[in-house]
Amino acid sequence: MQINGIHHVTAIAGPARRNLDFYGRVLGLRLVKKTVNFDDPGTYHFYYGDAAGAPGTILTFFPWEHAAPGRLGVGETQETVFRIPAAAIGYWTHRLVENGVPHDAPVKRFGETVLSFRDRDGMRLALVGIPGIEAEPAWAGSDVPVEHAIRGFHSVSLLLDDAAPTGAILSDVFGFREVARDDTLIRYRADGAPLGNIIDLRVAGGFLPARQGAGSVHHVAFRAADDAAQEEMVRKLSENHGIRTTEQRDRNYFRSVYFREPGRVLFEIATDVPGFAVDEPSESLGQALKLPAGLEKQRDRIEALLPELA
């Protein structure tokens, strides 16, 4: 059965060691895969998520040691938002203060308490307190108490000149529907998806275009159960919206196609299969450097190029 929603979010970061410290230690996410950028093998590709690396929990990074800062603008993801138990807002406010993380005071957004903050590269993030999720699985391998731990994605917000064309694709191709409006913010939700089931479209006509760099989201990936579900989405994009995707690319842990939606945000459609345990046991995810078969013969050279993490 197809479950709609966000599969993963991929962003650009600065130094790899700093990125690991922030997402692994400060936010308490599990490093579920340590590999390289398949298109730039001298750069790490880190995947963070829950214990299993389930779709809807995965935030990934290309950490370039000397990346220039990005500039938020139209045609980009504005904010990436995680779910936490409602009672954990106080804990996280204190934890952000303790770790010197720039953050805003909690506010209400569509009736939910939202705590916005930025990572070490200025990437815009937020935590949303959700009642009744305390019993959901959470990664227990960090020093964040499990009762306060992050439970996957809540949403992303996109900054756009015009929301309508993007909303049409969310509805027709990805199974979302408009559920609320608040001034310039339009909320879309995918029914039945437990994680990453909300996309907020923020209209900001006339705003400067985005400039990619450290702290920028590179792309947002949406879930397809398998190749057949992905092919159906590609067909709808072509026949109903005149949009062509790239050819399918094998990313080892999922298979992907990419396209620019009408608002210029880069979207990906990623299969749920085969998952992150395809090349290492679930209990040791993220511990060893994993390379695709085509790069394995270059392991020594690649490892020499990668920055030290210890």
Protein backbone atom coordinates (compact mmCIF):
# COMPACT_ATOMS: atom_id res chain seq x y z
CA MET A 1 0.00 0.00 0.00
CA GLN A 2 1.24 3.46 -0.88
CA ILE A 3 1.94 5.71 2.12
CA ASN A 4 2.34 9.32 1.07
CA GLY A 5 4.54 11.91 2.72
CA ILE A 6 8.13 13.02 2.98
CA HIS A 7 10.76 10.33 2.45
CA HIS A 8 13.80 12.46 3.35
CA VAL A 9 15.22 15.96 3.26
CA THR A 10 18.75 16.63 2.00
CA ALA A 11 20.71 19.75 2.95
CA ILE A 12 24.16 21.31 2.55
CA ALA A 13 26.42 21.72 5.56
CA GLY A 14 29.84 23.02 6.51
CA PRO A 15 32.44 20.92 8.38
CA ALA A 16 31.49 17.24 8.73
CA ARG A 17 32.64 16.89 12.34
CA ARG A 18 30.53 19.87 13.41
CA ASN A 19 27.51 18.45 11.58
CA LEU A 20 27.90 15.09 13.33
CA ASP A 21 28.12 16.75 16.74
CA PHE A 22 25.00 18.84 16.22
CA TYR A 23 22.66 16.21 14.79
CA GLY A 24 24.03 13.22 16.68
CA ARG A 25 24.73 14.78 20.07
CA VAL A 26 22.61 17.95 20.36
CA LEU A 27 19.51 16.67 18.55
CA GLY A 28 20.03 13.02 19.46
CA LEU A 29 19.36 11.56 16.01
CA ARG A 30 20.86 8.26 14.95
CA LEU A 31 23.51 8.29 12.22
CA VAL A 32 21.97 5.54 10.12
CA LYS A 33 24.33 5.71 7.15
CA LYS A 34 27.82 7.07 6.60
CA THR A 35 28.59 7.07 2.90
CA VAL A 36 29.75 9.51 0.23
CA ASN A 37 28.11 11.80 -2.27
CA PHE A 38 27.88 9.45 -5.26
CA ASP A 39 28.46 12.42 -7.61
CA ASP A 40 31.34 13.84 -5.52
CA PRO A 41 32.97 10.90 -3.70
CA GLY A 42 35.46 13.10 -1.84
CA THR A 43 32.51 14.42 0.21
CA TYR A 44 30.63 12.55 2.92
CA HIS A 45 26.89 11.92 2.75
CA PHE A 46 25.42 11.52 6.24
CA TYR A 47 21.92 10.15 6.89
CA TYR A 48 20.30 10.79 10.28
CA GLY A 49 17.00 9.35 11.46
CA ASP A 50 15.28 7.02 13.88
CA ALA A 51 16.56 3.62 15.02
CA ALA A 52 15.62 1.92 11.73
CA GLY A 53 16.16 4.81 9.33
CA ALA A 54 12.48 4.72 8.41
CA PRO A 55 11.11 6.91 5.60
CA GLY A 56 9.74 10.09 7.13
CA THR A 57 12.58 10.39 9.65
CA ILE A 58 15.64 10.87 7.44
CA LEU A 59 17.58 14.14 7.26
CA THR A 60 20.69 13.89 5.09
CA PHE A 61 23.66 16.19 4.53
CA PHE A 62 26.42 16.87 2.05
CA PRO A 63 29.04 18.42 4.38
CA TRP A 64 31.55 20.52 2.43
CA GLU A 65 34.32 21.75 4.73
CA HIS A 66 34.55 25.21 3.16
CA ALA A 67 31.01 25.74 1.87
CA ALA A 68 29.96 29.39 1.66
CA PRO A 69 26.73 30.26 3.50
CA GLY A 70 23.52 29.99 1.53
CA ARG A 71 20.86 32.69 1.29
CA LEU A 72 17.23 31.85 1.93
CA GLY A 73 14.95 32.91 -0.87
CA VAL A 74 12.07 32.05 -3.13
CA GLY A 75 12.31 28.59 -4.64
CA GLU A 76 13.70 26.87 -1.55
CA THR A 77 12.71 25.04 1.60
CA GLN A 78 12.33 27.62 4.35
CA GLU A 79 12.11 25.38 7.42
CA THR A 80 12.46 21.67 8.24
CA VAL A 81 10.29 20.62 11.18
CA PHE A 82 10.50 17.61 13.52
CA ARG A 83 7.86 16.07 15.81
CA ILE A 84 8.39 15.77 19.58
CA PRO A 85 5.97 14.87 22.40
CA ALA A 86 4.00 17.95 23.48
CA ALA A 87 5.42 17.76 27.02
CA ALA A 88 9.00 17.93 25.67
CA ILE A 89 8.93 21.58 24.53
CA GLY A 90 10.34 22.78 27.87
CA TYR A 91 13.11 20.17 27.80
CA TRP A 92 14.16 21.18 24.30
CA THR A 93 14.06 24.91 25.03
CA HIS A 94 16.47 24.28 27.91
CA ARG A 95 18.67 21.97 25.81
CA LEU A 96 19.01 24.55 23.04
CA VAL A 97 20.01 27.19 25.61
CA GLU A 98 22.56 24.82 27.20
CA ASN A 99 24.16 24.15 23.83
CA GLY A 100 24.20 27.76 22.64
CA VAL A 101 21.76 27.11 19.80
CA PRO A 102 20.06 30.25 18.40
CA HIS A 103 16.32 29.87 18.79
CA ASP A 104 13.03 31.77 18.98
CA ALA A 105 10.47 31.71 21.76
CA PRO A 106 7.80 29.03 21.25
CA VAL A 107 4.80 30.18 19.21
CA LYS A 108 1.48 28.72 18.09
CA ARG A 109 1.09 27.73 14.44
CA PHE A 110 -2.15 26.12 13.32
CA GLY A 111 -2.84 25.40 16.99
CA GLU A 112 0.47 23.59 17.60
CA THR A 113 3.41 24.79 19.72
CA VAL A 114 6.45 25.42 17.51
CA LEU A 115 10.03 25.98 18.71
CA SER A 116 12.17 27.33 15.85
CA PHE A 117 15.98 27.29 15.86
CA ARG A 118 19.03 27.12 13.59
CA ASP A 119 21.89 24.68 13.31
CA ARG A 120 25.59 25.65 13.19
CA ASP A 121 25.29 26.54 9.49
CA GLY A 122 22.15 28.61 9.88
CA MET A 123 19.76 25.96 8.55
CA ARG A 124 16.22 26.75 9.71
CA LEU A 125 14.72 23.99 11.85
CA ALA A 126 11.84 23.63 14.27
CA LEU A 127 10.32 21.24 16.78
CA VAL A 128 6.54 20.85 17.06
CA GLY A 129 4.93 19.45 20.20
CA ILE A 130 2.39 16.74 19.29
CA PRO A 131 0.09 15.25 21.95
CA GLY A 132 -0.22 11.48 22.19
CA ILE A 133 2.99 10.38 20.45
CA GLU A 134 4.90 9.43 23.59
CA ALA A 135 4.56 5.69 22.84
CA GLU A 136 5.91 5.99 19.30
CA PRO A 137 9.36 4.46 18.69
CA ALA A 138 12.32 6.74 19.27
CA TRP A 139 16.09 6.35 19.11
CA ALA A 140 17.34 5.50 22.60
CA GLY A 141 21.06 5.52 21.80
CA SER A 142 21.76 9.19 22.53
CA ASP A 143 21.87 11.21 25.73
CA VAL A 144 18.46 12.74 24.91
CA PRO A 145 15.99 10.92 27.21
CA VAL A 146 13.76 8.73 25.09
CA GLU A 147 10.60 10.39 26.43
CA HIS A 148 11.79 13.68 24.89
CA ALA A 149 13.37 12.29 21.71
CA ILE A 150 12.50 13.39 18.18
CA ARG A 151 9.86 11.26 16.42
CA GLY A 152 10.49 11.88 12.74
CA PHE A 153 9.40 14.72 10.50
CA HIS A 154 6.39 16.91 11.03
CA SER A 155 6.67 19.05 7.89
CA VAL A 156 8.66 21.28 5.63
CA SER A 157 7.72 24.79 4.52
CA LEU A 158 8.49 26.04 1.02
CA LEU A 159 9.00 29.70 0.11
CA LEU A 160 7.27 30.44 -3.21
CA ASP A 161 6.17 33.26 -5.48
CA ASP A 162 2.89 31.45 -6.23
CA ALA A 163 1.52 28.50 -4.27
CA ALA A 164 -1.12 27.25 -6.72
CA PRO A 165 1.06 25.32 -9.24
CA THR A 166 3.03 23.63 -6.45
CA GLY A 167 -0.17 22.83 -4.58
CA ALA A 168 -1.58 21.18 -7.70
CA ILE A 169 1.37 18.77 -7.84
CA LEU A 170 1.20 18.03 -4.11
CA SER A 171 -2.47 17.13 -4.54
CA ASP A 172 -2.46 15.28 -7.84
CA VAL A 173 0.89 13.48 -7.70
CA PHE A 174 1.76 13.08 -4.01
CA GLY A 175 -1.62 12.59 -2.34
CA PHE A 176 -1.75 15.76 -0.24
CA ARG A 177 -4.77 18.05 0.15
CA GLU A 178 -5.17 21.61 1.35
CA VAL A 179 -6.43 21.64 4.95
CA ALA A 180 -5.83 25.16 6.32
CA ARG A 181 -4.75 28.74 5.57
CA ASP A 182 -3.22 31.40 7.80
CA ASP A 183 -2.46 34.67 6.02
CA THR A 184 0.32 33.81 3.52
CA LEU A 185 0.75 30.22 4.79
CA ILE A 186 -1.16 27.34 3.14
CA ARG A 187 -1.07 23.89 4.74
CA TYR A 188 -1.27 20.62 2.81
CA ARG A 189 -1.62 17.24 4.53
CA ALA A 190 -1.32 13.63 3.34
CA ASP A 191 -4.04 11.59 5.04
CA GLY A 192 -2.93 8.33 6.62
CA ALA A 193 0.78 9.14 6.67
CA PRO A 194 2.12 8.93 10.23
CA LEU A 195 5.29 10.96 9.59
CA GLY A 196 6.25 13.85 7.34
CA ASN A 197 2.67 14.30 6.22
CA ILE A 198 2.54 18.12 6.08
CA ILE A 199 3.83 20.61 3.53
CA ASP A 200 3.38 24.32 4.25
CA LEU A 201 3.53 26.71 1.30
CA ARG A 202 4.52 30.27 2.23
CA VAL A 203 3.79 32.85 -0.46
CA ALA A 204 6.44 35.59 -0.67
CA GLY A 205 6.03 37.26 -4.03
CA GLY A 206 8.92 39.52 -5.00
CA PHE A 207 11.36 38.02 -2.47
CA LEU A 208 14.94 37.43 -3.62
CA PRO A 209 15.67 34.02 -5.19
CA ALA A 210 17.47 31.46 -3.05
CA ARG A 211 21.24 31.00 -3.26
CA GLN A 212 22.37 27.50 -2.32
CA GLY A 213 25.13 27.05 0.25
CA ALA A 214 25.77 25.85 3.77
CA GLY A 215 22.47 25.87 5.66
CA SER A 216 20.37 25.42 2.52
CA VAL A 217 18.06 22.51 1.82
CA HIS A 218 19.16 20.92 -1.45
CA HIS A 219 15.97 18.93 -2.10
CA VAL A 220 12.87 17.38 -0.57
CA ALA A 221 12.13 13.72 -1.36
CA PHE A 222 8.62 12.26 -1.41
CA ARG A 223 7.77 8.61 -0.77
CA ALA A 224 6.95 5.99 -3.40
CA ALA A 225 6.32 2.49 -2.09
CA ASP A 226 8.20 0.86 -4.98
CA ASP A 227 9.20 1.30 -8.61
CA ALA A 228 5.63 0.92 -9.87
CA ALA A 229 4.34 3.67 -7.57
CA GLN A 230 7.21 5.89 -8.65
CA GLU A 231 6.45 5.25 -12.33
CA GLU A 232 2.82 6.26 -11.77
CA MET A 233 3.91 9.55 -10.20
CA VAL A 234 6.28 10.19 -13.12
CA ARG A 235 3.40 9.54 -15.53
CA LYS A 236 1.11 12.01 -13.75
CA LEU A 237 3.84 14.67 -13.75
CA SER A 238 4.29 14.30 -17.49
CA GLU A 239 0.68 13.89 -18.61
CA ASN A 240 -1.04 16.26 -16.17
CA HIS A 241 1.62 18.92 -15.53
CA GLY A 242 4.03 18.80 -18.47
CA ILE A 243 6.99 18.06 -16.20
CA ARG A 244 9.67 15.52 -17.05
CA THR A 245 11.87 13.90 -14.43
CA THR A 246 15.41 12.61 -14.63
CA GLU A 247 16.03 8.96 -15.35
CA GLN A 248 15.87 6.69 -12.31
CA ARG A 249 19.08 6.71 -10.25
CA ASP A 250 20.06 3.91 -7.87
CA ARG A 251 21.07 5.39 -4.51
CA ASN A 252 21.66 1.93 -2.96
CA TYR A 253 19.09 2.49 -0.19
CA PHE A 254 16.32 3.79 -2.47
CA ARG A 255 15.80 4.53 -6.15
CA SER A 256 15.19 8.13 -7.18
CA VAL A 257 14.00 10.49 -9.86
CA TYR A 258 14.30 14.29 -9.64
CA PHE A 259 12.51 17.33 -11.04
CA ARG A 260 12.03 21.06 -10.46
CA GLU A 261 8.48 21.81 -9.41
CA PRO A 262 6.89 25.04 -10.76
CA GLY A 263 8.15 27.10 -7.80
CA ARG A 264 11.74 25.98 -8.60
CA VAL A 265 12.19 23.80 -5.51
CA LEU A 266 14.06 20.58 -6.35
CA PHE A 267 11.84 17.56 -5.61
CA GLU A 268 12.80 13.90 -5.55
CA ILE A 269 10.61 10.79 -5.63
CA ALA A 270 12.35 8.05 -3.62
CA THR A 271 11.27 4.45 -3.19
CA ASP A 272 10.79 3.05 0.32
CA VAL A 273 12.75 -0.03 -0.74
CA PRO A 274 15.27 -1.51 -0.19
CA GLY A 275 16.10 0.52 2.96
CA PHE A 276 19.23 1.19 4.98
CA ALA A 277 19.85 -2.34 6.27
CA VAL A 278 20.62 -3.61 2.77
CA ASP A 279 24.42 -3.43 3.28
CA GLU A 280 24.93 -3.60 7.06
CA PRO A 281 23.07 -5.02 10.07
CA SER A 282 20.41 -2.83 11.68
CA GLU A 283 22.23 -2.86 15.01
CA SER A 284 25.38 -1.32 13.50
CA LEU A 285 23.88 1.20 11.08
CA GLY A 286 26.09 4.22 10.47
CA GLN A 287 29.26 2.85 12.03
CA ALA A 288 31.28 1.89 8.94
CA LEU A 289 31.89 3.89 5.77
CA LYS A 290 29.71 2.29 3.10
CA LEU A 291 30.49 2.75 -0.59
CA PRO A 292 28.50 1.71 -3.66
CA ALA A 293 29.97 -1.22 -5.57
CA GLY A 294 31.26 1.05 -8.33
CA LEU A 295 33.39 3.04 -5.89
CA GLU A 296 34.63 0.18 -3.69
CA LYS A 297 37.84 -0.26 -5.71
CA GLN A 298 38.65 3.41 -4.97
CA ARG A 299 38.14 3.04 -1.20
CA ASP A 300 41.73 3.84 -0.18
CA ARG A 301 41.81 7.02 -2.28
CA ILE A 302 38.36 8.13 -1.11
CA GLU A 303 39.14 7.55 2.55
CA ALA A 304 42.33 9.60 2.16
CA LEU A 305 40.31 12.51 0.73
CA LEU A 306 37.54 12.52 3.36
CA PRO A 307 37.97 14.80 6.40
CA GLU A 308 38.78 13.30 9.79
CA LEU A 309 35.75 12.77 12.01
CA ALA A 310 37.41 11.86 15.33
